[in-house]
Amino acid sequence: MRRRMRIVARLLVLAGLASAAQARGADAGADPPAGAVPLWPGGAPGALGKSAADVPTITVYPAARGSSGPTAAVVVCPGGGYGMLAGHEGEPIARWLNTLGVTGVVVKYRLGPAYHHPVMLGDAQRAIRTVRASAKQWNVDPRRVGILGFSAGGHLAATASTQFDVGDPNAADPIDRQSSRPDVSVLVYPVITMTDPHTHQGSRRNLLGDKPTPEQIDAMSAEKRVTKDTPSAFIFHTADDQAVPVENAMLYAAALRKNGVPFELHVYEHGRHGVGLAQDDPVLKSWPGLCAEWLRGKGFGMRATR
């Protein structure tokens, strides 16, 4: 019975009842829900069933509480070619963000071939909106909500950074009133383009199906959707990545530069795809530190102790 009551309480939080709790005098800064909770407690739009694969969720890893006020938050999108989710690009990344004083929010988005665009983007946008709607309860600053993605998750993060909206102020659901624009993005060996010859074929197939139209390919090539309003980005890739060509990162960086959007691009000479935090690689393991300094410069996280 107690377990059922805890589950119901978690669902109510994500259903957008935070404002009612505040009206009753609830304390700001309550703990985030424990474990994975559905992004849409009543069922996700376009769901094909009720199995775990049909229920997008987020898992919140709160940063340690301090005296400096609300923390920044980063939504984490694991990679996996839009066909699976790589575990080493989920929870370990959120835990790493915690060491920076940042709340990590891992999103389990729906996957192909059962699902196609725009389902994945809708899941990522809902995650960003949910963090902002729950900011007071989770001790998060709604003006510092970023997104971080690996490989196909990097494409999802880039898509969320180039296809966003300010929210619907008249929506019945308070979550839908929030902006889906991330304040910063971190793209790790990202898939960016859907166009040949540099796209990742598996990601394109899972995202757009076996026979995407030229219009779909163009619309989902993130480098073609960058504007001056695209958030700044940290980008990490390796020059000899055999799965996702480095041209993906370079195309996005070039588009950011063309539109006057700040970015930091790190291309390492050697390194395989999918290294995650790369703690076992004597060279690539430096990228998280570079990213941490960049995030701190953007107001995300605590300054390093010297």
Foldseek 3Di string as FASTA:
>chain_A
DVVVVLLVVLQCLLQLCVVVCVVVPDAWAAAHRADWDFNHNVFDPPFPDDDPLRTKTKHKDAADDDDPFFAAEEEFEADDLLADGDPLRFPVVQVLLSVQNYMYMYIDFHGPPVDAPPRRLVSLLSSLLSCLSCCRHNRHDNLRYHYEYAAQGLLSRLCLLQDWDQFDCPDPRSSRRHTSHHQEYEYELYQAALDPDQGQVSSNCIHQNDDHDPVVRQSSRSLNRDALSRHEYEYEEECPAPRGHPVSVVSNVVSCVVRVHHYHYDYHHDDYGDCRCVPVPPPSVCVVVVVSVVCVVVVHGDDDDD
